[in-house]
């Protein structure tokens, strides 16, 4: 350019300045050079990157920390499997021990049951056909049946409240005792009724003729006579007396009922006293003693009722 060129007075930038203006960095070639302010990220491997939500780094790599935790979990699972194996071995050994003891226990239990049954049979063997226990249960059941029959007549048509209450107690108590003695006879394999002469059992265990004296004394209570005026056992009402009782009402019924029942109880007392002394089994003697006590109290009560009603004592 000549000195006369109009552009000569103008300060034109040099090539170096041109490059500096474009790049903003003096002395740096623009070919492939990047500025420190270039917003494009560095592609170098030293640049830290954050894992995504699944714990994977960019590029699909799994975080090493999670992988370590997974291996530790596998170790704990292996330990659990070892514990299960040891527990299973222990259960199998325990099961074999239990199976070995089971037959022994069964044999011991069977032996104890057999011994108990044998001892029970010796202690509570059934009394014989002609024993006091069987005879008492049969005859006292029949004796009680008539008492229940008379008590129900008084309870239905009697006038005196106290006498009716006594009748109710007698009916309930003696009906229950009939059930108890019936159960005895069934358990002993004996029939419920006595088809032969009554009260023969009272001489079965007697000594020195005492039972014969007792029976003769009770027989005098009702005397002897026709079938309509005699009773099967001492103390029991005759058929004629039962018919008379069934026709009465009011005070007359109260007085006759009390009189007949006092005699009835006296006959039963003699039977119960004998069984309480000569019965083979404890339960026979126990029930007989209870009868003696209860009927003695009832006799005293009925005697007082007769006096209160203005009737003579029985």
C-alpha atoms as a PDB file:
ATOM      1  CA  UNK A   1       0.000   0.000   0.000  1.00  0.00           C
ATOM      2  CA  UNK A   2       1.294   3.403  -0.807  1.00  0.00           C
ATOM      3  CA  UNK A   3       1.650   6.229   1.486  1.00  0.00           C
ATOM      4  CA  UNK A   4      -1.057   8.058  -0.442  1.00  0.00           C
ATOM      5  CA  UNK A   5      -3.680   5.400   0.199  1.00  0.00           C
ATOM      6  CA  UNK A   6      -6.510   6.942   2.086  1.00  0.00           C
ATOM      7  CA  UNK A   7      -6.608   4.013   4.401  1.00  0.00           C
ATOM      8  CA  UNK A   8      -3.074   4.611   5.467  1.00  0.00           C
ATOM      9  CA  UNK A   9      -4.107   6.937   8.237  1.00  0.00           C
ATOM     10  CA  UNK A  10      -6.409   4.444   9.610  1.00  0.00           C
ATOM     11  CA  UNK A  11      -5.014   1.974  12.084  1.00  0.00           C
ATOM     12  CA  UNK A  12      -5.836  -1.370  10.569  1.00  0.00           C
ATOM     13  CA  UNK A  13      -5.608  -4.331  12.823  1.00  0.00           C
ATOM     14  CA  UNK A  14      -2.818  -6.708  12.333  1.00  0.00           C
ATOM     15  CA  UNK A  15      -3.500 -10.415  11.724  1.00  0.00           C
ATOM     16  CA  UNK A  16      -2.468 -11.153  15.233  1.00  0.00           C
ATOM     17  CA  UNK A  17      -4.848  -8.640  16.598  1.00  0.00           C
ATOM     18  CA  UNK A  18      -7.562 -10.092  14.451  1.00  0.00           C
ATOM     19  CA  UNK A  19      -7.031 -13.441  15.955  1.00  0.00           C
ATOM     20  CA  UNK A  20      -6.952 -11.990  19.467  1.00  0.00           C
ATOM     21  CA  UNK A  21     -10.196 -10.249  18.868  1.00  0.00           C
ATOM     22  CA  UNK A  22     -11.883 -13.409  17.707  1.00  0.00           C
ATOM     23  CA  UNK A  23     -10.615 -15.666  20.430  1.00  0.00           C
ATOM     24  CA  UNK A  24     -10.310 -13.311  23.348  1.00  0.00           C
ATOM     25  CA  UNK A  25      -6.978 -14.949  24.250  1.00  0.00           C
ATOM     26  CA  UNK A  26      -3.790 -13.453  22.918  1.00  0.00           C
ATOM     27  CA  UNK A  27      -1.277 -15.828  21.438  1.00  0.00           C
ATOM     28  CA  UNK A  28      -3.660 -18.713  21.095  1.00  0.00           C
ATOM     29  CA  UNK A  29      -4.414 -20.087  17.721  1.00  0.00           C
ATOM     30  CA  UNK A  30      -8.082 -20.457  17.003  1.00  0.00           C
ATOM     31  CA  UNK A  31      -7.617 -23.818  15.442  1.00  0.00           C
ATOM     32  CA  UNK A  32      -8.883 -26.361  17.883  1.00  0.00           C
ATOM     33  CA  UNK A  33      -8.270 -24.034  20.829  1.00  0.00           C
ATOM     34  CA  UNK A  34     -10.910 -23.542  23.490  1.00  0.00           C
ATOM     35  CA  UNK A  35     -11.267 -20.729  25.900  1.00  0.00           C
ATOM     36  CA  UNK A  36     -11.432 -21.110  29.608  1.00  0.00           C
ATOM     37  CA  UNK A  37     -14.846 -19.614  29.393  1.00  0.00           C
ATOM     38  CA  UNK A  38     -16.073 -22.067  26.798  1.00  0.00           C
ATOM     39  CA  UNK A  39     -19.440 -23.398  28.152  1.00  0.00           C
ATOM     40  CA  UNK A  40     -18.889 -26.801  26.589  1.00  0.00           C
ATOM     41  CA  UNK A  41     -17.984 -29.435  29.245  1.00  0.00           C
ATOM     42  CA  UNK A  42     -14.567 -30.953  29.324  1.00  0.00           C
ATOM     43  CA  UNK A  43     -14.533 -34.442  27.885  1.00  0.00           C
ATOM     44  CA  UNK A  44     -11.699 -35.511  30.155  1.00  0.00           C
ATOM     45  CA  UNK A  45     -12.097 -38.579  32.473  1.00  0.00           C
ATOM     46  CA  UNK A  46     -11.175 -36.648  35.596  1.00  0.00           C
ATOM     47  CA  UNK A  47     -14.422 -34.715  35.577  1.00  0.00           C
ATOM     48  CA  UNK A  48     -16.681 -36.030  38.439  1.00  0.00           C
ATOM     49  CA  UNK A  49     -20.128 -37.278  37.516  1.00  0.00           C
ATOM     50  CA  UNK A  50     -23.152 -37.985  39.753  1.00  0.00           C
ATOM     51  CA  UNK A  51     -24.899 -41.385  39.666  1.00  0.00           C
ATOM     52  CA  UNK A  52     -28.497 -41.549  38.600  1.00  0.00           C
ATOM     53  CA  UNK A  53     -31.457 -42.571  40.803  1.00  0.00           C
ATOM     54  CA  UNK A  54     -30.695 -46.298  40.352  1.00  0.00           C
ATOM     55  CA  UNK A  55     -27.162 -45.913  41.664  1.00  0.00           C
ATOM     56  CA  UNK A  56     -25.641 -46.283  38.211  1.00  0.00           C
ATOM     57  CA  UNK A  57     -23.033 -43.951  36.866  1.00  0.00           C
ATOM     58  CA  UNK A  58     -23.367 -42.555  33.388  1.00  0.00           C
ATOM     59  CA  UNK A  59     -22.537 -45.267  30.964  1.00  0.00           C
ATOM     60  CA  UNK A  60     -24.463 -47.967  32.839  1.00  0.00           C
ATOM     61  CA  UNK A  61     -21.853 -48.737  35.550  1.00  0.00           C
ATOM     62  CA  UNK A  62     -23.274 -49.795  38.948  1.00  0.00           C
ATOM     63  CA  UNK A  63     -21.980 -48.039  42.035  1.00  0.00           C
ATOM     64  CA  UNK A  64     -19.276 -49.992  43.750  1.00  0.00           C
ATOM     65  CA  UNK A  65     -20.822 -49.333  47.199  1.00  0.00           C
ATOM     66  CA  UNK A  66     -24.105 -51.058  46.278  1.00  0.00           C
ATOM     67  CA  UNK A  67     -22.242 -53.965  44.806  1.00  0.00           C
ATOM     68  CA  UNK A  68     -20.339 -54.380  48.071  1.00  0.00           C
ATOM     69  CA  UNK A  69     -23.565 -54.329  50.044  1.00  0.00           C
ATOM     70  CA  UNK A  70     -24.993 -57.041  47.771  1.00  0.00           C
ATOM     71  CA  UNK A  71     -22.001 -59.297  48.379  1.00  0.00           C
ATOM     72  CA  UNK A  72     -22.307 -58.741  52.142  1.00  0.00           C
ATOM     73  CA  UNK A  73     -25.998 -59.674  51.963  1.00  0.00           C
ATOM     74  CA  UNK A  74     -25.090 -62.854  50.145  1.00  0.00           C
ATOM     75  CA  UNK A  75     -22.692 -63.694  52.962  1.00  0.00           C
ATOM     76  CA  UNK A  76     -25.386 -63.225  55.594  1.00  0.00           C
ATOM     77  CA  UNK A  77     -27.805 -65.370  53.577  1.00  0.00           C
ATOM     78  CA  UNK A  78     -25.184 -68.113  53.462  1.00  0.00           C
ATOM     79  CA  UNK A  79     -24.814 -67.925  57.240  1.00  0.00           C
ATOM     80  CA  UNK A  80     -28.616 -68.223  57.619  1.00  0.00           C
ATOM     81  CA  UNK A  81     -28.622 -71.354  55.493  1.00  0.00           C
ATOM     82  CA  UNK A  82     -25.945 -72.867  57.708  1.00  0.00           C
ATOM     83  CA  UNK A  83     -28.033 -72.084  60.829  1.00  0.00           C
ATOM     84  CA  UNK A  84     -31.089 -73.708  59.244  1.00  0.00           C
ATOM     85  CA  UNK A  85     -29.091 -76.831  58.541  1.00  0.00           C
ATOM     86  CA  UNK A  86     -27.898 -77.085  62.126  1.00  0.00           C
ATOM     87  CA  UNK A  87     -31.445 -76.484  63.446  1.00  0.00           C
ATOM     88  CA  UNK A  88     -32.818 -79.166  61.125  1.00  0.00           C
ATOM     89  CA  UNK A  89     -30.233 -81.669  62.389  1.00  0.00           C
ATOM     90  CA  UNK A  90     -31.222 -80.878  65.983  1.00  0.00           C
ATOM     91  CA  UNK A  91     -34.923 -81.397  65.269  1.00  0.00           C
ATOM     92  CA  UNK A  92     -34.259 -84.720  63.600  1.00  0.00           C
ATOM     93  CA  UNK A  93     -32.232 -85.939  66.573  1.00  0.00           C
ATOM     94  CA  UNK A  94     -34.969 -84.780  69.006  1.00  0.00           C
ATOM     95  CA  UNK A  95     -37.641 -86.520  66.929  1.00  0.00           C
ATOM     96  CA  UNK A  96     -35.718 -89.793  66.990  1.00  0.00           C
ATOM     97  CA  UNK A  97     -35.347 -89.543  70.796  1.00  0.00           C
ATOM     98  CA  UNK A  98     -39.097 -88.922  71.255  1.00  0.00           C
ATOM     99  CA  UNK A  99     -39.962 -91.874  69.058  1.00  0.00           C
ATOM    100  CA  UNK A 100     -37.664 -94.106  71.107  1.00  0.00           C
ATOM    101  CA  UNK A 101     -39.327 -93.121  74.419  1.00  0.00           C
ATOM    102  CA  UNK A 102     -42.938 -93.390  73.230  1.00  0.00           C
ATOM    103  CA  UNK A 103     -43.273 -97.214  73.477  1.00  0.00           C
ATOM    104  CA  UNK A 104     -41.667 -97.184  76.932  1.00  0.00           C
ATOM    105  CA  UNK A 105     -44.129 -94.576  78.206  1.00  0.00           C
ATOM    106  CA  UNK A 106     -47.101 -96.482  76.781  1.00  0.00           C
ATOM    107  CA  UNK A 107     -45.990 -99.712  78.469  1.00  0.00           C
ATOM    108  CA  UNK A 108     -45.570 -97.967  81.838  1.00  0.00           C
ATOM    109  CA  UNK A 109     -48.997 -96.294  81.597  1.00  0.00           C
ATOM    110  CA  UNK A 110     -50.681 -99.585  80.665  1.00  0.00           C
ATOM    111  CA  UNK A 111     -49.025-101.325  83.622  1.00  0.00           C
ATOM    112  CA  UNK A 112     -50.190 -98.606  86.039  1.00  0.00           C
ATOM    113  CA  UNK A 113     -53.761 -98.784  84.742  1.00  0.00           C
ATOM    114  CA  UNK A 114     -53.817-102.553  85.085  1.00  0.00           C
ATOM    115  CA  UNK A 115     -52.481-102.346  88.631  1.00  0.00           C
ATOM    116  CA  UNK A 116     -55.067 -99.700  89.530  1.00  0.00           C
ATOM    117  CA  UNK A 117     -57.891-101.799  88.134  1.00  0.00           C
ATOM    118  CA  UNK A 118     -56.728-104.831  90.087  1.00  0.00           C
ATOM    119  CA  UNK A 119     -56.495-102.866  93.335  1.00  0.00           C
ATOM    120  CA  UNK A 120     -59.902-101.297  92.703  1.00  0.00           C
ATOM    121  CA  UNK A 121     -61.406-104.711  92.138  1.00  0.00           C
ATOM    122  CA  UNK A 122     -60.035-105.925  95.458  1.00  0.00           C
ATOM    123  CA  UNK A 123     -61.243-102.849  97.330  1.00  0.00           C
ATOM    124  CA  UNK A 124     -64.694-102.521  95.727  1.00  0.00           C
ATOM    125  CA  UNK A 125     -65.695-106.003  94.626  1.00  0.00           C
ATOM    126  CA  UNK A 126     -69.399-106.668  94.157  1.00  0.00           C
ATOM    127  CA  UNK A 127     -71.190-108.057  97.231  1.00  0.00           C
ATOM    128  CA  UNK A 128     -72.843-111.451  97.017  1.00  0.00           C
ATOM    129  CA  UNK A 129     -76.491-112.214  96.297  1.00  0.00           C
ATOM    130  CA  UNK A 130     -77.285-112.944  99.965  1.00  0.00           C
ATOM    131  CA  UNK A 131     -75.172-110.109 101.363  1.00  0.00           C
ATOM    132  CA  UNK A 132     -76.428-107.375 103.659  1.00  0.00           C
ATOM    133  CA  UNK A 133     -75.632-104.754 101.011  1.00  0.00           C
ATOM    134  CA  UNK A 134     -77.772-106.311  98.265  1.00  0.00           C
ATOM    135  CA  UNK A 135     -80.639-107.214 100.608  1.00  0.00           C
ATOM    136  CA  UNK A 136     -80.666-103.769 102.195  1.00  0.00           C
ATOM    137  CA  UNK A 137     -80.685-102.000  98.825  1.00  0.00           C
ATOM    138  CA  UNK A 138     -83.593-104.099  97.550  1.00  0.00           C
ATOM    139  CA  UNK A 139     -85.803-104.070 100.649  1.00  0.00           C
ATOM    140  CA  UNK A 140     -85.155-100.453 101.582  1.00  0.00           C
ATOM    141  CA  UNK A 141     -86.020 -99.366  98.030  1.00  0.00           C
ATOM    142  CA  UNK A 142     -89.386-101.102  98.348  1.00  0.00           C
ATOM    143  CA  UNK A 143     -89.871 -99.631 101.816  1.00  0.00           C
ATOM    144  CA  UNK A 144     -89.083 -96.135 100.513  1.00  0.00           C
ATOM    145  CA  UNK A 145     -91.510 -96.503  97.611  1.00  0.00           C
ATOM    146  CA  UNK A 146     -94.478 -96.779  99.968  1.00  0.00           C
ATOM    147  CA  UNK A 147     -93.267 -93.757 101.968  1.00  0.00           C
ATOM    148  CA  UNK A 148     -93.140 -91.692  98.769  1.00  0.00           C
ATOM    149  CA  UNK A 149     -96.674 -92.826  97.888  1.00  0.00           C
ATOM    150  CA  UNK A 150     -98.099 -91.754 101.251  1.00  0.00           C
ATOM    151  CA  UNK A 151     -96.172 -88.477 101.268  1.00  0.00           C
ATOM    152  CA  UNK A 152     -97.569 -87.480  97.884  1.00  0.00           C
ATOM    153  CA  UNK A 153    -101.135 -88.050  99.113  1.00  0.00           C
ATOM    154  CA  UNK A 154    -100.535 -85.745 102.100  1.00  0.00           C
ATOM    155  CA  UNK A 155     -98.792 -83.137  99.998  1.00  0.00           C
ATOM    156  CA  UNK A 156    -101.698 -83.050  97.535  1.00  0.00           C
ATOM    157  CA  UNK A 157    -104.659 -82.890  99.927  1.00  0.00           C
ATOM    158  CA  UNK A 158    -103.387 -82.169 103.440  1.00  0.00           C
ATOM    159  CA  UNK A 159    -104.543 -79.066 105.340  1.00  0.00           C
ATOM    160  CA  UNK A 160    -101.590 -78.371 107.672  1.00  0.00           C
ATOM    161  CA  UNK A 161     -98.766 -76.504 105.944  1.00  0.00           C
ATOM    162  CA  UNK A 162     -96.081 -77.932 108.228  1.00  0.00           C
ATOM    163  CA  UNK A 163     -97.245 -81.507 107.682  1.00  0.00           C
ATOM    164  CA  UNK A 164     -97.357 -80.954 103.936  1.00  0.00           C
ATOM    165  CA  UNK A 165     -93.809 -79.591 104.036  1.00  0.00           C
ATOM    166  CA  UNK A 166     -92.622 -82.666 105.943  1.00  0.00           C
ATOM    167  CA  UNK A 167     -94.327 -84.866 103.355  1.00  0.00           C
ATOM    168  CA  UNK A 168     -92.570 -83.049 100.531  1.00  0.00           C
ATOM    169  CA  UNK A 169     -89.162 -83.498 102.166  1.00  0.00           C
ATOM    170  CA  UNK A 170     -89.788 -87.196 102.707  1.00  0.00           C
ATOM    171  CA  UNK A 171     -90.862 -87.733  99.097  1.00  0.00           C
ATOM    172  CA  UNK A 172     -87.841 -85.938  97.645  1.00  0.00           C
ATOM    173  CA  UNK A 173     -85.272 -87.484  99.992  1.00  0.00           C
ATOM    174  CA  UNK A 174     -86.454 -91.059  99.755  1.00  0.00           C
ATOM    175  CA  UNK A 175     -86.976 -90.945  95.992  1.00  0.00           C
ATOM    176  CA  UNK A 176     -83.376 -89.796  95.630  1.00  0.00           C
ATOM    177  CA  UNK A 177     -82.187 -92.636  97.879  1.00  0.00           C
ATOM    178  CA  UNK A 178     -84.138 -95.108  95.753  1.00  0.00           C
ATOM    179  CA  UNK A 179     -82.168 -93.879  92.741  1.00  0.00           C
ATOM    180  CA  UNK A 180     -78.861 -94.295  94.583  1.00  0.00           C
ATOM    181  CA  UNK A 181     -79.615 -97.865  95.663  1.00  0.00           C
ATOM    182  CA  UNK A 182     -80.897 -98.764  92.200  1.00  0.00           C
ATOM    183  CA  UNK A 183     -77.561 -97.648  90.771  1.00  0.00           C
ATOM    184  CA  UNK A 184     -75.738 -99.856  93.257  1.00  0.00           C
ATOM    185  CA  UNK A 185     -77.719-102.916  92.254  1.00  0.00           C
ATOM    186  CA  UNK A 186     -77.128-102.278  88.555  1.00  0.00           C
ATOM    187  CA  UNK A 187     -73.402-101.850  89.129  1.00  0.00           C
ATOM    188  CA  UNK A 188     -73.262-105.081  91.121  1.00  0.00           C
ATOM    189  CA  UNK A 189     -75.098-106.976  88.409  1.00  0.00           C
ATOM    190  CA  UNK A 190     -78.071-107.729  90.693  1.00  0.00           C
ATOM    191  CA  UNK A 191     -81.804-107.546  90.067  1.00  0.00           C
ATOM    192  CA  UNK A 192     -83.722-104.586  91.453  1.00  0.00           C
ATOM    193  CA  UNK A 193     -86.377-106.466  93.422  1.00  0.00           C
ATOM    194  CA  UNK A 194     -86.444-109.249  95.954  1.00  0.00           C
ATOM    195  CA  UNK A 195     -88.695-112.110  94.885  1.00  0.00           C
ATOM    196  CA  UNK A 196     -88.211-114.140  98.060  1.00  0.00           C
ATOM    197  CA  UNK A 197     -89.002-113.440 101.680  1.00  0.00           C
ATOM    198  CA  UNK A 198     -88.189-109.928 102.787  1.00  0.00           C
ATOM    199  CA  UNK A 199     -85.388-109.064 105.199  1.00  0.00           C
ATOM    200  CA  UNK A 200     -83.614-112.430 105.116  1.00  0.00           C
ATOM    201  CA  UNK A 201     -80.365-110.468 104.797  1.00  0.00           C
ATOM    202  CA  UNK A 202     -80.730-109.256 108.384  1.00  0.00           C
ATOM    203  CA  UNK A 203     -79.715-112.738 109.615  1.00  0.00           C
ATOM    204  CA  UNK A 204     -76.858-113.218 107.133  1.00  0.00           C
ATOM    205  CA  UNK A 205     -74.107-111.874 109.398  1.00  0.00           C
ATOM    206  CA  UNK A 206     -75.770-112.117 112.784  1.00  0.00           C
ATOM    207  CA  UNK A 207     -74.201-113.770 115.788  1.00  0.00           C
ATOM    208  CA  UNK A 208     -75.869-115.136 118.911  1.00  0.00           C
ATOM    209  CA  UNK A 209     -79.346-114.754 117.344  1.00  0.00           C
ATOM    210  CA  UNK A 210     -79.421-110.937 117.564  1.00  0.00           C
ATOM    211  CA  UNK A 211     -80.868-110.453 114.062  1.00  0.00           C
ATOM    212  CA  UNK A 212     -83.725-112.879 114.729  1.00  0.00           C
ATOM    213  CA  UNK A 213     -84.683-110.870 117.800  1.00  0.00           C
ATOM    214  CA  UNK A 214     -84.684-107.652 115.753  1.00  0.00           C
ATOM    215  CA  UNK A 215     -86.989-109.144 113.137  1.00  0.00           C
ATOM    216  CA  UNK A 216     -89.391-110.540 115.725  1.00  0.00           C
ATOM    217  CA  UNK A 217     -89.629-107.133 117.388  1.00  0.00           C
ATOM    218  CA  UNK A 218     -90.445-105.398 114.097  1.00  0.00           C
ATOM    219  CA  UNK A 219     -93.000-108.023 113.147  1.00  0.00           C
ATOM    220  CA  UNK A 220     -95.011-107.170 116.284  1.00  0.00           C
ATOM    221  CA  UNK A 221     -95.490-103.594 115.033  1.00  0.00           C
ATOM    222  CA  UNK A 222     -98.047-104.556 112.415  1.00  0.00           C
ATOM    223  CA  UNK A 223     -99.192-107.847 113.846  1.00  0.00           C
ATOM    224  CA  UNK A 224    -100.517-110.635 111.658  1.00  0.00           C
ATOM    225  CA  UNK A 225    -103.821-111.310 109.971  1.00  0.00           C
ATOM    226  CA  UNK A 226    -105.337-111.382 106.510  1.00  0.00           C
ATOM    227  CA  UNK A 227    -103.470-110.218 103.456  1.00  0.00           C
ATOM    228  CA  UNK A 228    -105.425-106.954 103.529  1.00  0.00           C
ATOM    229  CA  UNK A 229    -104.308-106.255 107.085  1.00  0.00           C
ATOM    230  CA  UNK A 230    -100.680-107.308 106.848  1.00  0.00           C
ATOM    231  CA  UNK A 231     -97.616-105.637 105.402  1.00  0.00           C
ATOM    232  CA  UNK A 232     -94.681-107.130 103.574  1.00  0.00           C
ATOM    233  CA  UNK A 233     -92.175-105.542 105.979  1.00  0.00           C
ATOM    234  CA  UNK A 234     -92.504-104.196 109.531  1.00  0.00           C
ATOM    235  CA  UNK A 235     -93.501-100.517 109.666  1.00  0.00           C
ATOM    236  CA  UNK A 236     -95.137-100.491 106.257  1.00  0.00           C
ATOM    237  CA  UNK A 237     -98.823 -99.556 105.982  1.00  0.00           C
ATOM    238  CA  UNK A 238    -101.292-102.274 105.113  1.00  0.00           C
ATOM    239  CA  UNK A 239    -103.355-102.152 101.920  1.00  0.00           C
ATOM    240  CA  UNK A 240    -106.429-101.251 103.998  1.00  0.00           C
ATOM    241  CA  UNK A 241    -104.579 -98.320 105.627  1.00  0.00           C
ATOM    242  CA  UNK A 242    -103.442 -97.016 102.246  1.00  0.00           C
ATOM    243  CA  UNK A 243    -106.995 -97.060 100.926  1.00  0.00           C
ATOM    244  CA  UNK A 244    -108.210 -95.182 103.963  1.00  0.00           C
ATOM    245  CA  UNK A 245    -105.477 -92.576 103.584  1.00  0.00           C
ATOM    246  CA  UNK A 246    -106.451 -91.991  99.950  1.00  0.00           C
ATOM    247  CA  UNK A 247    -110.072 -91.159 100.908  1.00  0.00           C
ATOM    248  CA  UNK A 248    -109.316 -88.480 103.525  1.00  0.00           C
ATOM    249  CA  UNK A 249    -108.753 -84.751 103.280  1.00  0.00           C
ATOM    250  CA  UNK A 250    -107.849 -81.872 105.572  1.00  0.00           C
ATOM    251  CA  UNK A 251    -106.980 -82.392 109.204  1.00  0.00           C
ATOM    252  CA  UNK A 252    -108.059 -86.051 109.260  1.00  0.00           C
ATOM    253  CA  UNK A 253    -105.591 -86.747 106.468  1.00  0.00           C
ATOM    254  CA  UNK A 254    -102.853 -84.858 108.317  1.00  0.00           C
ATOM    255  CA  UNK A 255    -103.309 -86.911 111.480  1.00  0.00           C
ATOM    256  CA  UNK A 256    -103.459 -90.310 109.769  1.00  0.00           C
ATOM    257  CA  UNK A 257    -100.499 -89.502 107.540  1.00  0.00           C
ATOM    258  CA  UNK A 258     -98.338 -88.460 110.491  1.00  0.00           C
ATOM    259  CA  UNK A 259     -99.316 -91.558 112.480  1.00  0.00           C
ATOM    260  CA  UNK A 260     -98.639 -94.011 109.641  1.00  0.00           C
ATOM    261  CA  UNK A 261     -95.367 -92.328 108.658  1.00  0.00           C
ATOM    262  CA  UNK A 262     -94.013 -92.462 112.205  1.00  0.00           C
ATOM    263  CA  UNK A 263     -94.558 -96.236 112.263  1.00  0.00           C
ATOM    264  CA  UNK A 264     -93.113 -96.476 108.770  1.00  0.00           C
ATOM    265  CA  UNK A 265     -89.948 -94.636 109.830  1.00  0.00           C
ATOM    266  CA  UNK A 266     -89.515 -96.854 112.880  1.00  0.00           C
ATOM    267  CA  UNK A 267     -89.524 -99.950 110.682  1.00  0.00           C
ATOM    268  CA  UNK A 268     -87.016 -98.337 108.329  1.00  0.00           C
ATOM    269  CA  UNK A 269     -84.777 -97.309 111.244  1.00  0.00           C
ATOM    270  CA  UNK A 270     -84.315-100.915 112.338  1.00  0.00           C
ATOM    271  CA  UNK A 271     -83.266-101.922 108.811  1.00  0.00           C
ATOM    272  CA  UNK A 272     -80.891 -98.963 108.413  1.00  0.00           C
ATOM    273  CA  UNK A 273     -79.286 -99.525 111.823  1.00  0.00           C
ATOM    274  CA  UNK A 274     -78.532-103.132 110.961  1.00  0.00           C
ATOM    275  CA  UNK A 275     -77.044-102.235 107.561  1.00  0.00           C
ATOM    276  CA  UNK A 276     -74.916 -99.468 109.096  1.00  0.00           C
ATOM    277  CA  UNK A 277     -73.284-102.067 111.354  1.00  0.00           C
ATOM    278  CA  UNK A 278     -73.056-105.111 109.057  1.00  0.00           C
ATOM    279  CA  UNK A 279     -72.773-103.780 105.511  1.00  0.00           C
ATOM    280  CA  UNK A 280     -69.674-104.830 103.570  1.00  0.00           C
ATOM    281  CA  UNK A 281     -69.095-101.613 101.649  1.00  0.00           C
ATOM    282  CA  UNK A 282     -68.408 -98.170 103.038  1.00  0.00           C
ATOM    283  CA  UNK A 283     -71.065 -96.537 100.878  1.00  0.00           C
ATOM    284  CA  UNK A 284     -73.728 -98.941 102.159  1.00  0.00           C
ATOM    285  CA  UNK A 285     -72.866 -98.211 105.766  1.00  0.00           C
ATOM    286  CA  UNK A 286     -72.628 -94.471 105.082  1.00  0.00           C
ATOM    287  CA  UNK A 287     -76.062 -94.203 103.457  1.00  0.00           C
ATOM    288  CA  UNK A 288     -77.610 -96.365 106.178  1.00  0.00           C
ATOM    289  CA  UNK A 289     -76.200 -94.094 108.905  1.00  0.00           C
ATOM    290  CA  UNK A 290     -77.585 -91.035 107.101  1.00  0.00           C
ATOM    291  CA  UNK A 291     -81.030 -92.670 106.989  1.00  0.00           C
ATOM    292  CA  UNK A 292     -80.927 -93.343 110.712  1.00  0.00           C
ATOM    293  CA  UNK A 293     -80.116 -89.699 111.433  1.00  0.00           C
ATOM    294  CA  UNK A 294     -82.656 -88.170 109.029  1.00  0.00           C
ATOM    295  CA  UNK A 295     -85.563 -90.410 109.955  1.00  0.00           C
ATOM    296  CA  UNK A 296     -84.948 -89.987 113.693  1.00  0.00           C
ATOM    297  CA  UNK A 297     -85.222 -86.210 113.264  1.00  0.00           C
ATOM    298  CA  UNK A 298     -88.382 -86.575 111.168  1.00  0.00           C
ATOM    299  CA  UNK A 299     -90.008 -88.833 113.775  1.00  0.00           C
ATOM    300  CA  UNK A 300     -89.511 -86.163 116.446  1.00  0.00           C
ATOM    301  CA  UNK A 301     -90.916 -83.488 114.109  1.00  0.00           C
ATOM    302  CA  UNK A 302     -94.014 -85.513 113.278  1.00  0.00           C
ATOM    303  CA  UNK A 303     -94.695 -86.317 116.941  1.00  0.00           C
ATOM    304  CA  UNK A 304     -94.701 -82.604 117.672  1.00  0.00           C
ATOM    305  CA  UNK A 305     -97.052 -81.993 114.763  1.00  0.00           C
ATOM    306  CA  UNK A 306     -99.505 -84.544 116.119  1.00  0.00           C
ATOM    307  CA  UNK A 307     -99.522 -82.821 119.486  1.00  0.00           C
ATOM    308  CA  UNK A 308    -100.003 -79.431 117.853  1.00  0.00           C
ATOM    309  CA  UNK A 309    -102.967 -80.768 115.884  1.00  0.00           C
ATOM    310  CA  UNK A 310    -104.537 -82.109 119.118  1.00  0.00           C
ATOM    311  CA  UNK A 311    -103.991 -85.783 118.212  1.00  0.00           C
ATOM    312  CA  UNK A 312    -102.354 -88.466 120.378  1.00  0.00           C
ATOM    313  CA  UNK A 313     -98.701 -89.285 119.830  1.00  0.00           C
ATOM    314  CA  UNK A 314     -98.054 -92.347 117.683  1.00  0.00           C
END
